[in-house]
Amino acid sequence: MSTGPNRIMTNLLRPMRRAAQGVRKEVESAFHSQAERWLNGMDVVKREEFEAVREMAVKARDENDALLKRIEALEAKLAAKAK
């Protein structure tokens, strides 16, 4: 059987592969934690917060446009009565 030496190598390398995957996960976790601390230190706005404020600004702009139209209509009405 030609799978004998390959099976032995596979069995020997399996724990090393698992250990390497564990180390990789730890490194990724540490990197993400450090990146989050770094970004928090920079006072960067999160995407969700940005989107919420953006929606509020759009709503406020729409309300301002509607109020401006009402004011213009009322002024036109007053001007017509004054004549």
PDB file of N, CA and C in Angstrom:
ATOM      1  N   MET A   1       0.837  -1.186   0.000  1.00  0.00           N
ATOM      2  CA  MET A   1       0.000   0.000   0.000  1.00  0.00           C
ATOM      3  C   MET A   1       0.875   1.240   0.000  1.00  0.00           C
ATOM      4  N   SER A   2       0.549   2.138  -0.862  1.00  0.00           N
ATOM      5  CA  SER A   2       1.343   3.364  -0.937  1.00  0.00           C
ATOM      6  C   SER A   2       0.805   4.444  -0.017  1.00  0.00           C
ATOM      7  N   THR A   3      -0.308   4.170   0.665  1.00  0.00           N
ATOM      8  CA  THR A   3      -0.877   5.195   1.533  1.00  0.00           C
ATOM      9  C   THR A   3      -0.288   5.152   2.934  1.00  0.00           C
ATOM     10  N   GLY A   4       0.519   4.177   3.251  1.00  0.00           N
ATOM     11  CA  GLY A   4       1.102   4.053   4.587  1.00  0.00           C
ATOM     12  C   GLY A   4       1.906   5.271   5.003  1.00  0.00           C
ATOM     13  N   PRO A   5       2.948   5.636   4.267  1.00  0.00           N
ATOM     14  CA  PRO A   5       3.739   6.822   4.649  1.00  0.00           C
ATOM     15  C   PRO A   5       2.926   8.111   4.606  1.00  0.00           C
ATOM     16  N   ASN A   6       2.024   8.201   3.629  1.00  0.00           N
ATOM     17  CA  ASN A   6       1.181   9.404   3.542  1.00  0.00           C
ATOM     18  C   ASN A   6       0.262   9.506   4.750  1.00  0.00           C
ATOM     19  N   ARG A   7      -0.276   8.385   5.176  1.00  0.00           N
ATOM     20  CA  ARG A   7      -1.164   8.382   6.338  1.00  0.00           C
ATOM     21  C   ARG A   7      -0.386   8.788   7.593  1.00  0.00           C
ATOM     22  N   ILE A   8       0.821   8.313   7.719  1.00  0.00           N
ATOM     23  CA  ILE A   8       1.649   8.673   8.879  1.00  0.00           C
ATOM     24  C   ILE A   8       1.920  10.171   8.873  1.00  0.00           C
ATOM     25  N   MET A   9       2.278  10.707   7.702  1.00  0.00           N
ATOM     26  CA  MET A   9       2.548  12.150   7.608  1.00  0.00           C
ATOM     27  C   MET A   9       1.289  12.955   7.909  1.00  0.00           C
ATOM     28  N   THR A  10       0.170  12.482   7.398  1.00  0.00           N
ATOM     29  CA  THR A  10      -1.096  13.170   7.650  1.00  0.00           C
ATOM     30  C   THR A  10      -1.400  13.177   9.137  1.00  0.00           C
ATOM     31  N   ASN A  11      -1.227  12.047   9.785  1.00  0.00           N
ATOM     32  CA  ASN A  11      -1.490  11.957  11.231  1.00  0.00           C
ATOM     33  C   ASN A  11      -0.528  12.817  12.035  1.00  0.00           C
ATOM     34  N   LEU A  12       0.707  12.944  11.571  1.00  0.00           N
ATOM     35  CA  LEU A  12       1.683  13.781  12.280  1.00  0.00           C
ATOM     36  C   LEU A  12       1.396  15.270  12.073  1.00  0.00           C
ATOM     37  N   LEU A  13       0.954  15.624  10.887  1.00  0.00           N
ATOM     38  CA  LEU A  13       0.752  17.039  10.565  1.00  0.00           C
ATOM     39  C   LEU A  13      -0.584  17.580  11.065  1.00  0.00           C
ATOM     40  N   ARG A  14      -1.550  16.702  11.315  1.00  0.00           N
ATOM     41  CA  ARG A  14      -2.880  17.151  11.737  1.00  0.00           C
ATOM     42  C   ARG A  14      -2.831  18.024  12.997  1.00  0.00           C
ATOM     43  N   PRO A  15      -2.155  17.607  14.080  1.00  0.00           N
ATOM     44  CA  PRO A  15      -2.109  18.480  15.270  1.00  0.00           C
ATOM     45  C   PRO A  15      -1.406  19.812  14.997  1.00  0.00           C
ATOM     46  N   MET A  16      -0.390  19.781  14.140  1.00  0.00           N
ATOM     47  CA  MET A  16       0.314  21.025  13.812  1.00  0.00           C
ATOM     48  C   MET A  16      -0.619  21.968  13.051  1.00  0.00           C
ATOM     49  N   ARG A  17      -1.422  21.420  12.162  1.00  0.00           N
ATOM     50  CA  ARG A  17      -2.366  22.223  11.397  1.00  0.00           C
ATOM     51  C   ARG A  17      -3.404  22.849  12.333  1.00  0.00           C
ATOM     52  N   ARG A  18      -3.915  22.052  13.278  1.00  0.00           N
ATOM     53  CA  ARG A  18      -4.892  22.573  14.240  1.00  0.00           C
ATOM     54  C   ARG A  18      -4.282  23.668  15.100  1.00  0.00           C
ATOM     55  N   ALA A  19      -3.040  23.454  15.510  1.00  0.00           N
ATOM     56  CA  ALA A  19      -2.363  24.472  16.327  1.00  0.00           C
ATOM     57  C   ALA A  19      -2.183  25.760  15.524  1.00  0.00           C
ATOM     58  N   ALA A  20      -1.819  25.614  14.265  1.00  0.00           N
ATOM     59  CA  ALA A  20      -1.631  26.792  13.413  1.00  0.00           C
ATOM     60  C   ALA A  20      -2.954  27.528  13.233  1.00  0.00           C
ATOM     61  N   GLN A  21      -4.056  26.802  13.089  1.00  0.00           N
ATOM     62  CA  GLN A  21      -5.357  27.446  12.954  1.00  0.00           C
ATOM     63  C   GLN A  21      -5.731  28.179  14.240  1.00  0.00           C
ATOM     64  N   GLY A  22      -5.415  27.585  15.396  1.00  0.00           N
ATOM     65  CA  GLY A  22      -5.689  28.239  16.668  1.00  0.00           C
ATOM     66  C   GLY A  22      -4.893  29.522  16.817  1.00  0.00           C
ATOM     67  N   VAL A  23      -3.629  29.480  16.432  1.00  0.00           N
ATOM     68  CA  VAL A  23      -2.777  30.671  16.499  1.00  0.00           C
ATOM     69  C   VAL A  23      -3.316  31.739  15.557  1.00  0.00           C
ATOM     70  N   ARG A  24      -3.737  31.330  14.355  1.00  0.00           N
ATOM     71  CA  ARG A  24      -4.291  32.283  13.394  1.00  0.00           C
ATOM     72  C   ARG A  24      -5.526  32.976  13.960  1.00  0.00           C
ATOM     73  N   LYS A  25      -6.411  32.209  14.604  1.00  0.00           N
ATOM     74  CA  LYS A  25      -7.608  32.804  15.198  1.00  0.00           C
ATOM     75  C   LYS A  25      -7.239  33.777  16.307  1.00  0.00           C
ATOM     76  N   GLU A  26      -6.254  33.429  17.120  1.00  0.00           N
ATOM     77  CA  GLU A  26      -5.826  34.328  18.201  1.00  0.00           C
ATOM     78  C   GLU A  26      -5.244  35.615  17.644  1.00  0.00           C
ATOM     79  N   VAL A  27      -4.437  35.501  16.605  1.00  0.00           N
ATOM     80  CA  VAL A  27      -3.822  36.683  15.990  1.00  0.00           C
ATOM     81  C   VAL A  27      -4.909  37.575  15.386  1.00  0.00           C
ATOM     82  N   GLU A  28      -5.876  36.970  14.694  1.00  0.00           N
ATOM     83  CA  GLU A  28      -6.972  37.760  14.127  1.00  0.00           C
ATOM     84  C   GLU A  28      -7.764  38.470  15.216  1.00  0.00           C
ATOM     85  N   SER A  29      -8.041  37.764  16.295  1.00  0.00           N
ATOM     86  CA  SER A  29      -8.795  38.358  17.401  1.00  0.00           C
ATOM     87  C   SER A  29      -8.025  39.521  18.024  1.00  0.00           C
ATOM     88  N   ALA A  30      -6.740  39.325  18.237  1.00  0.00           N
ATOM     89  CA  ALA A  30      -5.911  40.387  18.807  1.00  0.00           C
ATOM     90  C   ALA A  30      -5.854  41.586  17.856  1.00  0.00           C
ATOM     91  N   PHE A  31      -5.737  41.310  16.562  1.00  0.00           N
ATOM     92  CA  PHE A  31      -5.686  42.399  15.580  1.00  0.00           C
ATOM     93  C   PHE A  31      -6.988  43.193  15.581  1.00  0.00           C
ATOM     94  N   HIS A  32      -8.118  42.484  15.585  1.00  0.00           N
ATOM     95  CA  HIS A  32      -9.406  43.173  15.581  1.00  0.00           C
ATOM     96  C   HIS A  32      -9.589  44.008  16.854  1.00  0.00           C
ATOM     97  N   SER A  33      -9.174  43.463  17.977  1.00  0.00           N
ATOM     98  CA  SER A  33      -9.283  44.217  19.230  1.00  0.00           C
ATOM     99  C   SER A  33      -8.429  45.472  19.192  1.00  0.00           C
ATOM    100  N   GLN A  34      -7.204  45.319  18.709  1.00  0.00           N
ATOM    101  CA  GLN A  34      -6.300  46.472  18.640  1.00  0.00           C
ATOM    102  C   GLN A  34      -6.825  47.504  17.647  1.00  0.00           C
ATOM    103  N   ALA A  35      -7.336  47.044  16.518  1.00  0.00           N
ATOM    104  CA  ALA A  35      -7.873  47.974  15.517  1.00  0.00           C
ATOM    105  C   ALA A  35      -9.082  48.720  16.082  1.00  0.00           C
ATOM    106  N   GLU A  36      -9.931  48.018  16.819  1.00  0.00           N
ATOM    107  CA  GLU A  36     -11.093  48.673  17.423  1.00  0.00           C
ATOM    108  C   GLU A  36     -10.667  49.714  18.446  1.00  0.00           C
ATOM    109  N   ARG A  37      -9.667  49.385  19.284  1.00  0.00           N
ATOM    110  CA  ARG A  37      -9.162  50.370  20.253  1.00  0.00           C
ATOM    111  C   ARG A  37      -8.575  51.570  19.537  1.00  0.00           C
ATOM    112  N   TRP A  38      -7.854  51.327  18.475  1.00  0.00           N
ATOM    113  CA  TRP A  38      -7.225  52.404  17.713  1.00  0.00           C
ATOM    114  C   TRP A  38      -8.296  53.313  17.098  1.00  0.00           C
ATOM    115  N   LEU A  39      -9.320  52.710  16.502  1.00  0.00           N
ATOM    116  CA  LEU A  39     -10.382  53.514  15.896  1.00  0.00           C
ATOM    117  C   LEU A  39     -11.175  54.273  16.950  1.00  0.00           C
ATOM    118  N   ASN A  40     -11.429  53.649  18.093  1.00  0.00           N
ATOM    119  CA  ASN A  40     -12.140  54.344  19.168  1.00  0.00           C
ATOM    120  C   ASN A  40     -11.321  55.526  19.678  1.00  0.00           C
ATOM    121  N   GLY A  41     -10.020  55.376  19.718  1.00  0.00           N
ATOM    122  CA  GLY A  41      -9.137  56.461  20.141  1.00  0.00           C
ATOM    123  C   GLY A  41      -9.143  57.619  19.160  1.00  0.00           C
ATOM    124  N   MET A  42      -9.424  57.325  17.895  1.00  0.00           N
ATOM    125  CA  MET A  42      -9.455  58.371  16.875  1.00  0.00           C
ATOM    126  C   MET A  42     -10.809  59.065  16.838  1.00  0.00           C
ATOM    127  N   ASP A  43     -11.754  58.609  17.621  1.00  0.00           N
ATOM    128  CA  ASP A  43     -13.092  59.188  17.665  1.00  0.00           C
ATOM    129  C   ASP A  43     -13.765  59.114  16.292  1.00  0.00           C
ATOM    130  N   VAL A  44     -13.647  57.940  15.656  1.00  0.00           N
ATOM    131  CA  VAL A  44     -14.259  57.695  14.350  1.00  0.00           C
ATOM    132  C   VAL A  44     -15.714  57.302  14.564  1.00  0.00           C
ATOM    133  N   VAL A  45     -16.585  57.824  13.728  1.00  0.00           N
ATOM    134  CA  VAL A  45     -18.017  57.529  13.830  1.00  0.00           C
ATOM    135  C   VAL A  45     -18.289  56.172  13.203  1.00  0.00           C
ATOM    136  N   LYS A  46     -19.129  55.383  13.867  1.00  0.00           N
ATOM    137  CA  LYS A  46     -19.510  54.088  13.314  1.00  0.00           C
ATOM    138  C   LYS A  46     -20.490  54.296  12.172  1.00  0.00           C
ATOM    139  N   ARG A  47     -20.525  53.360  11.278  1.00  0.00           N
ATOM    140  CA  ARG A  47     -21.368  53.443  10.085  1.00  0.00           C
ATOM    141  C   ARG A  47     -22.842  53.633  10.449  1.00  0.00           C
ATOM    142  N   GLU A  48     -23.311  52.878  11.456  1.00  0.00           N
ATOM    143  CA  GLU A  48     -24.711  52.966  11.854  1.00  0.00           C
ATOM    144  C   GLU A  48     -25.049  54.369  12.353  1.00  0.00           C
ATOM    145  N   GLU A  49     -24.146  54.965  13.130  1.00  0.00           N
ATOM    146  CA  GLU A  49     -24.379  56.315  13.647  1.00  0.00           C
ATOM    147  C   GLU A  49     -24.398  57.319  12.502  1.00  0.00           C
ATOM    148  N   PHE A  50     -23.484  57.158  11.558  1.00  0.00           N
ATOM    149  CA  PHE A  50     -23.427  58.058  10.406  1.00  0.00           C
ATOM    150  C   PHE A  50     -24.729  57.990   9.615  1.00  0.00           C
ATOM    151  N   GLU A  51     -25.199  56.775   9.355  1.00  0.00           N
ATOM    152  CA  GLU A  51     -26.433  56.606   8.587  1.00  0.00           C
ATOM    153  C   GLU A  51     -27.628  57.221   9.317  1.00  0.00           C
ATOM    154  N   ALA A  52     -27.678  57.070  10.651  1.00  0.00           N
ATOM    155  CA  ALA A  52     -28.792  57.635  11.427  1.00  0.00           C
ATOM    156  C   ALA A  52     -28.794  59.159  11.327  1.00  0.00           C
ATOM    157  N   VAL A  53     -27.643  59.778  11.469  1.00  0.00           N
ATOM    158  CA  VAL A  53     -27.555  61.239  11.380  1.00  0.00           C
ATOM    159  C   VAL A  53     -27.852  61.702   9.954  1.00  0.00           C
ATOM    160  N   ARG A  54     -27.421  60.935   8.971  1.00  0.00           N
ATOM    161  CA  ARG A  54     -27.690  61.277   7.582  1.00  0.00           C
ATOM    162  C   ARG A  54     -29.196  61.272   7.315  1.00  0.00           C
ATOM    163  N   GLU A  55     -29.884  60.245   7.816  1.00  0.00           N
ATOM    164  CA  GLU A  55     -31.339  60.179   7.651  1.00  0.00           C
ATOM    165  C   GLU A  55     -32.023  61.360   8.335  1.00  0.00           C
ATOM    166  N   MET A  56     -31.530  61.745   9.513  1.00  0.00           N
ATOM    167  CA  MET A  56     -32.102  62.895  10.217  1.00  0.00           C
ATOM    168  C   MET A  56     -31.906  64.170   9.395  1.00  0.00           C
ATOM    169  N   ALA A  57     -30.744  64.325   8.779  1.00  0.00           N
ATOM    170  CA  ALA A  57     -30.457  65.514   7.973  1.00  0.00           C
ATOM    171  C   ALA A  57     -31.361  65.562   6.744  1.00  0.00           C
ATOM    172  N   VAL A  58     -31.574  64.416   6.102  1.00  0.00           N
ATOM    173  CA  VAL A  58     -32.453  64.374   4.932  1.00  0.00           C
ATOM    174  C   VAL A  58     -33.875  64.747   5.336  1.00  0.00           C
ATOM    175  N   LYS A  59     -34.325  64.204   6.463  1.00  0.00           N
ATOM    176  CA  LYS A  59     -35.680  64.511   6.946  1.00  0.00           C
ATOM    177  C   LYS A  59     -35.806  66.007   7.267  1.00  0.00           C
ATOM    178  N   ALA A  60     -34.803  66.568   7.930  1.00  0.00           N
ATOM    179  CA  ALA A  60     -34.828  67.992   8.273  1.00  0.00           C
ATOM    180  C   ALA A  60     -34.834  68.849   7.012  1.00  0.00           C
ATOM    181  N   ARG A  61     -34.068  68.453   6.010  1.00  0.00           N
ATOM    182  CA  ARG A  61     -34.039  69.213   4.752  1.00  0.00           C
ATOM    183  C   ARG A  61     -35.404  69.171   4.079  1.00  0.00           C
ATOM    184  N   ASP A  62     -36.030  68.000   4.058  1.00  0.00           N
ATOM    185  CA  ASP A  62     -37.364  67.882   3.458  1.00  0.00           C
ATOM    186  C   ASP A  62     -38.382  68.742   4.209  1.00  0.00           C
ATOM    187  N   GLU A  63     -38.303  68.721   5.539  1.00  0.00           N
ATOM    188  CA  GLU A  63     -39.218  69.551   6.338  1.00  0.00           C
ATOM    189  C   GLU A  63     -38.981  71.034   6.068  1.00  0.00           C
ATOM    190  N   ASN A  64     -37.728  71.427   5.969  1.00  0.00           N
ATOM    191  CA  ASN A  64     -37.414  72.837   5.674  1.00  0.00           C
ATOM    192  C   ASN A  64     -37.949  73.249   4.306  1.00  0.00           C
ATOM    193  N   ASP A  65     -37.809  72.366   3.321  1.00  0.00           N
ATOM    194  CA  ASP A  65     -38.347  72.677   1.988  1.00  0.00           C
ATOM    195  C   ASP A  65     -39.866  72.853   2.037  1.00  0.00           C
ATOM    196  N   ALA A  66     -40.542  71.961   2.772  1.00  0.00           N
ATOM    197  CA  ALA A  66     -41.998  72.046   2.888  1.00  0.00           C
ATOM    198  C   ALA A  66     -42.406  73.342   3.595  1.00  0.00           C
ATOM    199  N   LEU A  67     -41.702  73.705   4.651  1.00  0.00           N
ATOM    200  CA  LEU A  67     -42.006  74.949   5.374  1.00  0.00           C
ATOM    201  C   LEU A  67     -41.745  76.174   4.500  1.00  0.00           C
ATOM    202  N   LEU A  68     -40.680  76.131   3.727  1.00  0.00           N
ATOM    203  CA  LEU A  68     -40.388  77.248   2.828  1.00  0.00           C
ATOM    204  C   LEU A  68     -41.510  77.440   1.812  1.00  0.00           C
ATOM    205  N   LYS A  69     -42.032  76.351   1.287  1.00  0.00           N
ATOM    206  CA  LYS A  69     -43.137  76.450   0.335  1.00  0.00           C
ATOM    207  C   LYS A  69     -44.381  77.023   1.009  1.00  0.00           C
ATOM    208  N   ARG A  70     -44.643  76.591   2.252  1.00  0.00           N
ATOM    209  CA  ARG A  70     -45.797  77.137   2.978  1.00  0.00           C
ATOM    210  C   ARG A  70     -45.632  78.633   3.230  1.00  0.00           C
ATOM    211  N   ILE A  71     -44.432  79.049   3.610  1.00  0.00           N
ATOM    212  CA  ILE A  71     -44.173  80.470   3.857  1.00  0.00           C
ATOM    213  C   ILE A  71     -44.361  81.263   2.575  1.00  0.00           C
ATOM    214  N   GLU A  72     -43.821  80.759   1.464  1.00  0.00           N
ATOM    215  CA  GLU A  72     -43.975  81.466   0.190  1.00  0.00           C
ATOM    216  C   GLU A  72     -45.444  81.579  -0.197  1.00  0.00           C
ATOM    217  N   ALA A  73     -46.217  80.510   0.045  1.00  0.00           N
ATOM    218  CA  ALA A  73     -47.647  80.548  -0.281  1.00  0.00           C
ATOM    219  C   ALA A  73     -48.369  81.560   0.592  1.00  0.00           C
ATOM    220  N   LEU A  74     -48.041  81.598   1.886  1.00  0.00           N
ATOM    221  CA  LEU A  74     -48.677  82.558   2.797  1.00  0.00           C
ATOM    222  C   LEU A  74     -48.296  83.987   2.436  1.00  0.00           C
ATOM    223  N   GLU A  75     -47.038  84.201   2.098  1.00  0.00           N
ATOM    224  CA  GLU A  75     -46.612  85.546   1.692  1.00  0.00           C
ATOM    225  C   GLU A  75     -47.321  85.985   0.413  1.00  0.00           C
ATOM    226  N   ALA A  76     -47.470  85.049  -0.516  1.00  0.00           N
ATOM    227  CA  ALA A  76     -48.173  85.388  -1.760  1.00  0.00           C
ATOM    228  C   ALA A  76     -49.634  85.712  -1.465  1.00  0.00           C
ATOM    229  N   LYS A  77     -50.220  84.983  -0.564  1.00  0.00           N
ATOM    230  CA  LYS A  77     -51.617  85.223  -0.166  1.00  0.00           C
ATOM    231  C   LYS A  77     -51.752  86.601   0.495  1.00  0.00           C
ATOM    232  N   LEU A  78     -50.822  86.943   1.389  1.00  0.00           N
ATOM    233  CA  LEU A  78     -50.840  88.258   2.041  1.00  0.00           C
ATOM    234  C   LEU A  78     -50.630  89.381   1.035  1.00  0.00           C
ATOM    235  N   ALA A  79     -49.743  89.144   0.091  1.00  0.00           N
ATOM    236  CA  ALA A  79     -49.463  90.169  -0.914  1.00  0.00           C
ATOM    237  C   ALA A  79     -50.702  90.392  -1.775  1.00  0.00           C
ATOM    238  N   ALA A  80     -51.411  89.323  -2.080  1.00  0.00           N
ATOM    239  CA  ALA A  80     -52.633  89.447  -2.904  1.00  0.00           C
ATOM    240  C   ALA A  80     -53.719  90.200  -2.143  1.00  0.00           C
ATOM    241  N   LYS A  81     -53.829  89.986  -0.843  1.00  0.00           N
ATOM    242  CA  LYS A  81     -54.829  90.688  -0.028  1.00  0.00           C
ATOM    243  C   LYS A  81     -54.484  92.162   0.125  1.00  0.00           C
ATOM    244  N   ALA A  82     -53.210  92.468   0.155  1.00  0.00           N
ATOM    245  CA  ALA A  82     -52.770  93.844   0.346  1.00  0.00           C
ATOM    246  C   ALA A  82     -53.051  94.691  -0.886  1.00  0.00           C
ATOM    247  N   LYS A  83     -53.210  94.118  -2.022  1.00  0.00           N
ATOM    248  CA  LYS A  83     -53.437  94.890  -3.253  1.00  0.00           C
ATOM    249  C   LYS A  83     -54.828  95.311  -3.359  1.00  0.00           C
TER     250      LYS A  83
END
